[in-house]
C-alpha atoms as a PDB file:
ATOM      1  CA  MET A   1      -2.538  -9.541 -10.027  1.00  0.00           C
ATOM      2  CA  ALA A   2      -3.677  -5.959 -10.362  1.00  0.00           C
ATOM      3  CA  TYR A   3      -5.465  -6.748  -7.137  1.00  0.00           C
ATOM      4  CA  LYS A   4      -1.754  -6.543  -5.583  1.00  0.00           C
ATOM      5  CA  THR A   5      -0.456  -4.062  -7.022  1.00  0.00           C
ATOM      6  CA  GLU A   6      -3.524  -1.710  -6.207  1.00  0.00           C
ATOM      7  CA  ILE A   7      -2.613  -2.267  -2.347  1.00  0.00           C
ATOM      8  CA  SER A   8       1.122  -2.002  -3.148  1.00  0.00           C
ATOM      9  CA  ILE A   9       0.035   1.369  -4.457  1.00  0.00           C
ATOM     10  CA  TYR A  10      -2.089   2.443  -1.391  1.00  0.00           C
ATOM     11  CA  LEU A  11       0.079   1.390   1.199  1.00  0.00           C
ATOM     12  CA  ILE A  12       3.681   2.626  -0.174  1.00  0.00           C
ATOM     13  CA  LEU A  13       3.589   4.956  -2.891  1.00  0.00           C
ATOM     14  CA  ILE A  14       0.925   7.459  -1.619  1.00  0.00           C
ATOM     15  CA  PRO A  15       2.410   7.592   1.924  1.00  0.00           C
ATOM     16  CA  LEU A  16       5.636   7.936   0.046  1.00  0.00           C
ATOM     17  CA  VAL A  17       4.088  10.815  -2.018  1.00  0.00           C
ATOM     18  CA  GLY A  18       3.145  12.371   1.778  1.00  0.00           C
ATOM     19  CA  VAL A  19       6.312  12.243   2.895  1.00  0.00           C
ATOM     20  CA  MET A  20       7.638  14.046   0.052  1.00  0.00           C
ATOM     21  CA  THR A  21       5.030  16.426   0.045  1.00  0.00           C
ATOM     22  CA  GLY A  22       6.040  17.241   3.622  1.00  0.00           C
ATOM     23  CA  LEU A  23       9.950  18.002   2.084  1.00  0.00           C
ATOM     24  CA  ILE A  24       8.744  20.447  -0.383  1.00  0.00           C
ATOM     25  CA  SER A  25       6.360  22.465   2.168  1.00  0.00           C
ATOM     26  CA  TYR A  26       9.546  22.253   4.099  1.00  0.00           C
ATOM     27  CA  GLY A  27      11.348  23.641   1.276  1.00  0.00           C
ATOM     28  CA  ALA A  28       8.627  26.513   0.540  1.00  0.00           C
ATOM     29  CA  TYR A  29       9.086  27.476   4.390  1.00  0.00           C
ATOM     30  CA  ARG A  30      12.368  27.536   4.012  1.00  0.00           C
ATOM     31  CA  LEU A  31      12.039  30.125   0.705  1.00  0.00           C
ATOM     32  CA  ILE A  32       9.932  32.177   2.420  1.00  0.00           C
ATOM     33  CA  GLY A  33      12.202  32.783   4.560  1.00  0.00           C
ATOM     34  CA  TYR A  34      11.553  31.420   7.770  1.00  0.00           C
ATOM     35  CA  PRO A  35      14.759  30.274   9.893  1.00  0.00           C
ATOM     36  CA  GLU A  36      15.716  26.546   9.780  1.00  0.00           C
ATOM     37  CA  SER A  37      14.220  24.109  12.075  1.00  0.00           C
ATOM     38  CA  ILE A  38      14.647  20.287  12.176  1.00  0.00           C
ATOM     39  CA  PHE A  39      11.542  20.568  14.600  1.00  0.00           C
ATOM     40  CA  VAL A  40       9.262  21.809  11.864  1.00  0.00           C
ATOM     41  CA  LEU A  41      10.848  19.465   9.205  1.00  0.00           C
ATOM     42  CA  PHE A  42       9.829  16.732  11.240  1.00  0.00           C
ATOM     43  CA  MET A  43       6.605  17.929  11.621  1.00  0.00           C
ATOM     44  CA  MET A  44       5.753  18.396   8.149  1.00  0.00           C
ATOM     45  CA  ILE A  45       7.190  14.958   7.582  1.00  0.00           C
ATOM     46  CA  ALA A  46       4.722  13.455   9.790  1.00  0.00           C
ATOM     47  CA  VAL A  47       1.665  15.137   9.388  1.00  0.00           C
ATOM     48  CA  TRP A  48       1.782  15.188   5.315  1.00  0.00           C
ATOM     49  CA  GLY A  49       2.929  11.325   5.606  1.00  0.00           C
ATOM     50  CA  GLY A  50       0.490  10.111   8.178  1.00  0.00           C
ATOM     51  CA  VAL A  51      -2.230  11.953   6.175  1.00  0.00           C
ATOM     52  CA  CYS A  52      -1.466  10.102   3.533  1.00  0.00           C
ATOM     53  CA  LEU A  53      -0.953   6.679   5.038  1.00  0.00           C
ATOM     54  CA  ALA A  54      -4.447   7.451   6.441  1.00  0.00           C
ATOM     55  CA  LEU A  55      -5.387   7.628   3.323  1.00  0.00           C
ATOM     56  CA  GLY A  56      -3.953   4.707   2.206  1.00  0.00           C
ATOM     57  CA  VAL A  57      -5.428   2.561   4.721  1.00  0.00           C
ATOM     58  CA  CYS A  58      -8.490   3.923   4.103  1.00  0.00           C
ATOM     59  CA  SER A  59      -8.113   3.169   0.358  1.00  0.00           C
ATOM     60  CA  THR A  60      -7.068  -0.446   1.251  1.00  0.00           C
ATOM     61  CA  ILE A  61     -10.147  -1.150   3.460  1.00  0.00           C
ATOM     62  CA  ARG A  62     -12.482  -0.209   0.643  1.00  0.00           C
ATOM     63  CA  CYS A  63     -10.562  -2.034  -2.038  1.00  0.00           C
ATOM     64  CA  LEU A  64     -10.514  -5.409   0.291  1.00  0.00           C
ATOM     65  CA  LYS A  65     -14.503  -4.720   0.740  1.00  0.00           C
ATOM     66  CA  GLN A  66     -15.293  -4.140  -2.954  1.00  0.00           C
ATOM     67  CA  LYS A  67     -13.244  -6.964  -3.784  1.00  0.00           C
ATOM     68  CA  LYS A  68     -15.322  -9.358  -1.060  1.00  0.00           C
ATOM     69  CA  GLU A  69     -18.805  -7.592  -2.200  1.00  0.00           C
ATOM     70  CA  LEU A  70     -17.508  -8.818  -6.114  1.00  0.00           C
ATOM     71  CA  ASN A  71     -16.761 -12.511  -5.018  1.00  0.00           C
ATOM     72  CA  ASP A  72     -19.528 -12.529  -2.802  1.00  0.00           C
ATOM     73  CA  THR A  73     -22.182 -12.137  -5.852  1.00  0.00           C
END
């Protein structure tokens, strides 16, 4: 059961943290005094969410490889 929990964390929570980081970055962007821009909002969400999604996928692949190695030995 712990294995499926790890996969869920890697594929759901890490990208969600990335999207939230994008929203926080946009809030900081607005607090600095830059004009409101929907394009900047979407870009920050896409970049942070994309980076964290890639991190989650890489972590999932690593987890699967480690599980396979443990089962083979």
